[in-house]
Amino acid sequence: MSLNCVFCNKLVFGTTGVTVPNQGPAHQYCYQAHVALKRTFHSLDISALNESEFNDLKDLVLAEANERERKRRGASDAGDIELF
């Protein structure tokens, strides 16, 4: 088994290393950069969504943000969720 980073292929040693499940050893900074560029959220790969799925997700997020803002302002729960 190699102790090279799966992202930069340089040797991983000491406290700078982490084990990435199903991939292998990596530097913490390489793994963090990979995660940031991969555009995932709670195991949802956003970049893998087609346009329709992405727009549906965006609409759901906006609706949830509006509902939370409405509740924060003290609106009653009797109304419908405001989409936009």
C-alpha atoms as a PDB file:
ATOM      1  CA  MET A   1       0.000   0.000   0.000  1.00  0.00           C
ATOM      2  CA  SER A   2       1.336   3.387  -0.988  1.00  0.00           C
ATOM      3  CA  LEU A   3       1.571   6.243   1.486  1.00  0.00           C
ATOM      4  CA  ASN A   4       1.298   8.858  -1.236  1.00  0.00           C
ATOM      5  CA  CYS A   5      -1.488  11.425  -1.271  1.00  0.00           C
ATOM      6  CA  VAL A   6      -4.302  10.374  -3.636  1.00  0.00           C
ATOM      7  CA  PHE A   7      -4.610  13.997  -4.818  1.00  0.00           C
ATOM      8  CA  CYS A   8      -1.021  15.296  -5.213  1.00  0.00           C
ATOM      9  CA  ASN A   9       0.840  11.948  -5.194  1.00  0.00           C
ATOM     10  CA  LYS A  10       3.422  13.213  -2.656  1.00  0.00           C
ATOM     11  CA  LEU A  11       4.382  11.269   0.465  1.00  0.00           C
ATOM     12  CA  VAL A  12       1.947  11.612   3.404  1.00  0.00           C
ATOM     13  CA  PHE A  13       3.460  11.466   6.890  1.00  0.00           C
ATOM     14  CA  GLY A  14       2.924  12.833  10.398  1.00  0.00           C
ATOM     15  CA  THR A  15      -0.097  14.815  11.457  1.00  0.00           C
ATOM     16  CA  THR A  16      -0.656  16.329   7.996  1.00  0.00           C
ATOM     17  CA  GLY A  17      -2.304  13.130   6.770  1.00  0.00           C
ATOM     18  CA  VAL A  18      -5.852  11.837   6.778  1.00  0.00           C
ATOM     19  CA  THR A  19      -7.420   8.694   5.371  1.00  0.00           C
ATOM     20  CA  VAL A  20     -10.117   9.374   2.789  1.00  0.00           C
ATOM     21  CA  PRO A  21     -12.689   6.533   2.781  1.00  0.00           C
ATOM     22  CA  ASN A  22     -12.575   4.404  -0.382  1.00  0.00           C
ATOM     23  CA  GLN A  23      -9.628   6.430  -1.723  1.00  0.00           C
ATOM     24  CA  GLY A  24      -6.630   6.228   0.604  1.00  0.00           C
ATOM     25  CA  PRO A  25      -4.190   8.571   2.353  1.00  0.00           C
ATOM     26  CA  ALA A  26      -4.182  12.306   1.682  1.00  0.00           C
ATOM     27  CA  HIS A  27      -2.796  15.540   3.054  1.00  0.00           C
ATOM     28  CA  GLN A  28      -5.410  17.469   5.039  1.00  0.00           C
ATOM     29  CA  TYR A  29      -5.010  20.536   2.814  1.00  0.00           C
ATOM     30  CA  CYS A  30      -5.286  18.467  -0.380  1.00  0.00           C
ATOM     31  CA  TYR A  31      -8.443  16.784   0.893  1.00  0.00           C
ATOM     32  CA  GLN A  32      -9.975  20.118   1.980  1.00  0.00           C
ATOM     33  CA  ALA A  33      -9.229  21.626  -1.433  1.00  0.00           C
ATOM     34  CA  HIS A  34     -10.744  18.589  -3.134  1.00  0.00           C
ATOM     35  CA  VAL A  35     -13.930  18.815  -1.068  1.00  0.00           C
ATOM     36  CA  ALA A  36     -14.269  22.560  -1.704  1.00  0.00           C
ATOM     37  CA  LEU A  37     -13.832  22.168  -5.449  1.00  0.00           C
ATOM     38  CA  LYS A  38     -16.045  19.079  -5.687  1.00  0.00           C
ATOM     39  CA  ARG A  39     -19.179  21.077  -4.767  1.00  0.00           C
ATOM     40  CA  THR A  40     -20.809  18.514  -2.493  1.00  0.00           C
ATOM     41  CA  PHE A  41     -23.112  19.063   0.454  1.00  0.00           C
ATOM     42  CA  HIS A  42     -23.959  16.215   2.847  1.00  0.00           C
ATOM     43  CA  SER A  43     -22.925  13.659   0.200  1.00  0.00           C
ATOM     44  CA  LEU A  44     -25.011  15.351  -2.521  1.00  0.00           C
ATOM     45  CA  ASP A  45     -22.785  15.969  -5.546  1.00  0.00           C
ATOM     46  CA  ILE A  46     -24.292  19.204  -6.840  1.00  0.00           C
ATOM     47  CA  SER A  47     -22.156  19.190  -9.975  1.00  0.00           C
ATOM     48  CA  ALA A  48     -23.721  15.856 -11.016  1.00  0.00           C
ATOM     49  CA  LEU A  49     -27.261  17.313 -11.149  1.00  0.00           C
ATOM     50  CA  ASN A  50     -28.765  18.073 -14.558  1.00  0.00           C
ATOM     51  CA  GLU A  51     -30.250  21.546 -15.168  1.00  0.00           C
ATOM     52  CA  SER A  52     -33.780  20.528 -14.189  1.00  0.00           C
ATOM     53  CA  GLU A  53     -32.663  18.869 -10.947  1.00  0.00           C
ATOM     54  CA  PHE A  54     -30.396  21.805 -10.120  1.00  0.00           C
ATOM     55  CA  ASN A  55     -33.228  24.318 -10.658  1.00  0.00           C
ATOM     56  CA  ASP A  56     -35.577  22.210  -8.491  1.00  0.00           C
ATOM     57  CA  LEU A  57     -32.965  22.161  -5.726  1.00  0.00           C
ATOM     58  CA  LYS A  58     -32.460  25.914  -6.024  1.00  0.00           C
ATOM     59  CA  ASP A  59     -36.238  26.493  -5.758  1.00  0.00           C
ATOM     60  CA  LEU A  60     -36.425  24.292  -2.648  1.00  0.00           C
ATOM     61  CA  VAL A  61     -33.540  26.139  -0.990  1.00  0.00           C
ATOM     62  CA  LEU A  62     -35.089  29.551  -1.766  1.00  0.00           C
ATOM     63  CA  ALA A  63     -38.491  28.419  -0.449  1.00  0.00           C
ATOM     64  CA  GLU A  64     -36.887  27.157   2.766  1.00  0.00           C
ATOM     65  CA  ALA A  65     -34.913  30.377   3.210  1.00  0.00           C
ATOM     66  CA  ASN A  66     -38.071  32.447   2.747  1.00  0.00           C
ATOM     67  CA  GLU A  67     -39.996  30.309   5.237  1.00  0.00           C
ATOM     68  CA  ARG A  68     -37.258  30.592   7.863  1.00  0.00           C
ATOM     69  CA  GLU A  69     -37.115  34.364   7.384  1.00  0.00           C
ATOM     70  CA  ARG A  70     -40.909  34.575   7.700  1.00  0.00           C
ATOM     71  CA  LYS A  71     -40.803  32.585  10.961  1.00  0.00           C
ATOM     72  CA  ARG A  72     -37.916  34.710  12.242  1.00  0.00           C
ATOM     73  CA  ARG A  73     -40.021  37.822  11.739  1.00  0.00           C
ATOM     74  CA  GLY A  74     -42.761  36.212  13.829  1.00  0.00           C
ATOM     75  CA  ALA A  75     -45.323  35.375  11.127  1.00  0.00           C
ATOM     76  CA  SER A  76     -47.951  32.788  12.027  1.00  0.00           C
ATOM     77  CA  ASP A  77     -47.815  29.236  10.730  1.00  0.00           C
ATOM     78  CA  ALA A  78     -51.314  29.555   9.251  1.00  0.00           C
ATOM     79  CA  GLY A  79     -50.145  30.904   5.863  1.00  0.00           C
ATOM     80  CA  ASP A  80     -48.792  29.104   2.866  1.00  0.00           C
ATOM     81  CA  ILE A  81     -45.062  28.948   2.226  1.00  0.00           C
ATOM     82  CA  GLU A  82     -43.961  31.907   0.146  1.00  0.00           C
ATOM     83  CA  LEU A  83     -41.846  30.674  -2.752  1.00  0.00           C
ATOM     84  CA  PHE A  84     -40.235  33.946  -3.877  1.00  0.00           C
END
